[in-house]
Amino acid sequence: MLDQKETQKLPPLLTPQALAEVLDVPVSFCYTLVRSKGFPSFRVGKKWLISTDKLMTWIDAQTSTDECKDEKKV
Protein backbone atom coordinates (compact mmCIF):
# COMPACT_ATOMS: atom_id res chain seq x y z
CA MET A 1 0.00 0.00 0.00
CA LEU A 2 1.16 3.52 -0.66
CA ASP A 3 2.27 5.57 2.28
CA GLN A 4 1.63 9.31 2.54
CA LYS A 5 5.07 10.29 1.18
CA GLU A 6 4.61 8.10 -1.90
CA THR A 7 1.12 9.50 -2.43
CA GLN A 8 2.43 13.06 -2.38
CA LYS A 9 4.82 12.21 -5.22
CA LEU A 10 1.96 11.20 -7.52
CA PRO A 11 0.48 13.68 -10.00
CA PRO A 12 -3.02 15.00 -9.19
CA LEU A 13 -4.52 12.96 -12.05
CA LEU A 14 -3.60 9.45 -13.16
CA THR A 15 -4.27 7.61 -16.40
CA PRO A 16 -5.35 3.96 -16.26
CA GLN A 17 -1.80 3.03 -17.29
CA ALA A 18 -0.30 5.02 -14.40
CA LEU A 19 -2.90 3.57 -12.03
CA ALA A 20 -1.86 0.07 -13.10
CA GLU A 21 1.72 0.86 -12.12
CA VAL A 22 0.70 2.37 -8.78
CA LEU A 23 -1.57 -0.55 -7.84
CA ASP A 24 0.63 -3.18 -9.51
CA VAL A 25 -2.31 -4.64 -11.42
CA PRO A 26 -2.99 -5.17 -15.14
CA VAL A 27 -4.11 -2.17 -17.21
CA SER A 28 -7.18 -4.14 -18.30
CA PHE A 29 -8.25 -4.34 -14.64
CA CYS A 30 -7.85 -0.56 -14.32
CA TYR A 31 -10.17 -0.02 -17.27
CA THR A 32 -12.73 -2.21 -15.50
CA LEU A 33 -12.28 -0.07 -12.37
CA VAL A 34 -12.68 3.28 -14.16
CA ARG A 35 -15.96 2.11 -15.66
CA SER A 36 -17.34 0.91 -12.33
CA LYS A 37 -19.87 2.92 -10.34
CA GLY A 38 -18.37 4.76 -7.39
CA PHE A 39 -14.79 4.70 -8.64
CA PRO A 40 -13.27 8.23 -8.78
CA SER A 41 -12.72 8.52 -12.51
CA PHE A 42 -13.97 10.71 -15.32
CA ARG A 43 -13.53 11.13 -19.04
CA VAL A 44 -12.05 13.97 -21.02
CA GLY A 45 -12.93 13.12 -24.59
CA LYS A 46 -11.83 9.50 -24.97
CA LYS A 47 -9.26 9.68 -22.19
CA TRP A 48 -9.98 8.29 -18.70
CA LEU A 49 -8.51 10.15 -15.71
CA ILE A 50 -8.45 9.30 -12.01
CA SER A 51 -8.20 11.87 -9.23
CA THR A 52 -5.30 10.84 -6.96
CA ASP A 53 -6.86 12.42 -3.86
CA LYS A 54 -10.21 10.77 -4.48
CA LEU A 55 -8.46 7.48 -5.29
CA MET A 56 -6.84 7.47 -1.84
CA THR A 57 -10.23 8.19 -0.24
CA TRP A 58 -11.77 5.36 -2.29
CA ILE A 59 -9.02 2.95 -1.24
CA ASP A 60 -9.54 3.89 2.42
CA ALA A 61 -13.26 3.23 2.07
CA GLN A 62 -12.63 -0.14 0.42
CA THR A 63 -10.24 -1.23 3.14
CA SER A 64 -12.38 -0.05 6.06
CA THR A 65 -15.30 -2.42 5.52
CA ASP A 66 -16.29 -4.84 8.29
CA GLU A 67 -15.07 -7.75 6.18
CA CYS A 68 -11.59 -6.24 5.86
CA LYS A 69 -11.49 -5.51 9.58
CA ASP A 70 -12.34 -9.15 10.32
CA GLU A 71 -9.55 -10.34 8.02
CA LYS A 72 -7.04 -8.18 9.88
CA LYS A 73 -7.92 -9.94 13.14
CA VAL A 74 -6.95 -13.34 11.75
C-alpha atoms as a PDB file:
ATOM      1  CA  MET A   1       0.000   0.000   0.000  1.00  0.00           C
ATOM      2  CA  LEU A   2       1.162   3.523  -0.661  1.00  0.00           C
ATOM      3  CA  ASP A   3       2.269   5.569   2.279  1.00  0.00           C
ATOM      4  CA  GLN A   4       1.634   9.307   2.538  1.00  0.00           C
ATOM      5  CA  LYS A   5       5.069  10.287   1.176  1.00  0.00           C
ATOM      6  CA  GLU A   6       4.613   8.102  -1.903  1.00  0.00           C
ATOM      7  CA  THR A   7       1.122   9.499  -2.431  1.00  0.00           C
ATOM      8  CA  GLN A   8       2.425  13.061  -2.376  1.00  0.00           C
ATOM      9  CA  LYS A   9       4.824  12.212  -5.225  1.00  0.00           C
ATOM     10  CA  LEU A  10       1.964  11.204  -7.518  1.00  0.00           C
ATOM     11  CA  PRO A  11       0.482  13.676 -10.003  1.00  0.00           C
ATOM     12  CA  PRO A  12      -3.018  14.996  -9.192  1.00  0.00           C
ATOM     13  CA  LEU A  13      -4.523  12.962 -12.050  1.00  0.00           C
ATOM     14  CA  LEU A  14      -3.603   9.452 -13.161  1.00  0.00           C
ATOM     15  CA  THR A  15      -4.274   7.610 -16.402  1.00  0.00           C
ATOM     16  CA  PRO A  16      -5.348   3.962 -16.261  1.00  0.00           C
ATOM     17  CA  GLN A  17      -1.797   3.026 -17.294  1.00  0.00           C
ATOM     18  CA  ALA A  18      -0.298   5.016 -14.397  1.00  0.00           C
ATOM     19  CA  LEU A  19      -2.895   3.570 -12.033  1.00  0.00           C
ATOM     20  CA  ALA A  20      -1.861   0.069 -13.097  1.00  0.00           C
ATOM     21  CA  GLU A  21       1.721   0.856 -12.117  1.00  0.00           C
ATOM     22  CA  VAL A  22       0.696   2.367  -8.776  1.00  0.00           C
ATOM     23  CA  LEU A  23      -1.572  -0.549  -7.843  1.00  0.00           C
ATOM     24  CA  ASP A  24       0.627  -3.180  -9.508  1.00  0.00           C
ATOM     25  CA  VAL A  25      -2.310  -4.640 -11.417  1.00  0.00           C
ATOM     26  CA  PRO A  26      -2.988  -5.172 -15.144  1.00  0.00           C
ATOM     27  CA  VAL A  27      -4.111  -2.167 -17.206  1.00  0.00           C
ATOM     28  CA  SER A  28      -7.181  -4.135 -18.297  1.00  0.00           C
ATOM     29  CA  PHE A  29      -8.249  -4.343 -14.645  1.00  0.00           C
ATOM     30  CA  CYS A  30      -7.849  -0.561 -14.323  1.00  0.00           C
ATOM     31  CA  TYR A  31     -10.173  -0.019 -17.272  1.00  0.00           C
ATOM     32  CA  THR A  32     -12.729  -2.208 -15.498  1.00  0.00           C
ATOM     33  CA  LEU A  33     -12.285  -0.066 -12.373  1.00  0.00           C
ATOM     34  CA  VAL A  34     -12.677   3.276 -14.161  1.00  0.00           C
ATOM     35  CA  ARG A  35     -15.960   2.110 -15.665  1.00  0.00           C
ATOM     36  CA  SER A  36     -17.342   0.907 -12.331  1.00  0.00           C
ATOM     37  CA  LYS A  37     -19.872   2.917 -10.335  1.00  0.00           C
ATOM     38  CA  GLY A  38     -18.373   4.755  -7.391  1.00  0.00           C
ATOM     39  CA  PHE A  39     -14.793   4.702  -8.644  1.00  0.00           C
ATOM     40  CA  PRO A  40     -13.271   8.233  -8.782  1.00  0.00           C
ATOM     41  CA  SER A  41     -12.715   8.518 -12.506  1.00  0.00           C
ATOM     42  CA  PHE A  42     -13.965  10.708 -15.316  1.00  0.00           C
ATOM     43  CA  ARG A  43     -13.525  11.126 -19.040  1.00  0.00           C
ATOM     44  CA  VAL A  44     -12.053  13.966 -21.023  1.00  0.00           C
ATOM     45  CA  GLY A  45     -12.927  13.118 -24.591  1.00  0.00           C
ATOM     46  CA  LYS A  46     -11.826   9.497 -24.973  1.00  0.00           C
ATOM     47  CA  LYS A  47      -9.260   9.679 -22.185  1.00  0.00           C
ATOM     48  CA  TRP A  48      -9.983   8.292 -18.699  1.00  0.00           C
ATOM     49  CA  LEU A  49      -8.510  10.153 -15.713  1.00  0.00           C
ATOM     50  CA  ILE A  50      -8.452   9.298 -12.010  1.00  0.00           C
ATOM     51  CA  SER A  51      -8.195  11.874  -9.225  1.00  0.00           C
ATOM     52  CA  THR A  52      -5.301  10.842  -6.960  1.00  0.00           C
ATOM     53  CA  ASP A  53      -6.862  12.422  -3.859  1.00  0.00           C
ATOM     54  CA  LYS A  54     -10.210  10.765  -4.477  1.00  0.00           C
ATOM     55  CA  LEU A  55      -8.459   7.485  -5.289  1.00  0.00           C
ATOM     56  CA  MET A  56      -6.840   7.475  -1.844  1.00  0.00           C
ATOM     57  CA  THR A  57     -10.228   8.185  -0.240  1.00  0.00           C
ATOM     58  CA  TRP A  58     -11.771   5.359  -2.295  1.00  0.00           C
ATOM     59  CA  ILE A  59      -9.016   2.948  -1.241  1.00  0.00           C
ATOM     60  CA  ASP A  60      -9.540   3.892   2.418  1.00  0.00           C
ATOM     61  CA  ALA A  61     -13.263   3.234   2.065  1.00  0.00           C
ATOM     62  CA  GLN A  62     -12.627  -0.140   0.416  1.00  0.00           C
ATOM     63  CA  THR A  63     -10.241  -1.226   3.144  1.00  0.00           C
ATOM     64  CA  SER A  64     -12.380  -0.054   6.055  1.00  0.00           C
ATOM     65  CA  THR A  65     -15.305  -2.424   5.520  1.00  0.00           C
ATOM     66  CA  ASP A  66     -16.292  -4.839   8.295  1.00  0.00           C
ATOM     67  CA  GLU A  67     -15.073  -7.751   6.185  1.00  0.00           C
ATOM     68  CA  CYS A  68     -11.595  -6.235   5.858  1.00  0.00           C
ATOM     69  CA  LYS A  69     -11.487  -5.507   9.583  1.00  0.00           C
ATOM     70  CA  ASP A  70     -12.344  -9.150  10.317  1.00  0.00           C
ATOM     71  CA  GLU A  71      -9.554 -10.338   8.022  1.00  0.00           C
ATOM     72  CA  LYS A  72      -7.037  -8.184   9.876  1.00  0.00           C
ATOM     73  CA  LYS A  73      -7.918  -9.936  13.138  1.00  0.00           C
ATOM     74  CA  VAL A  74      -6.947 -13.344  11.747  1.00  0.00           C
END
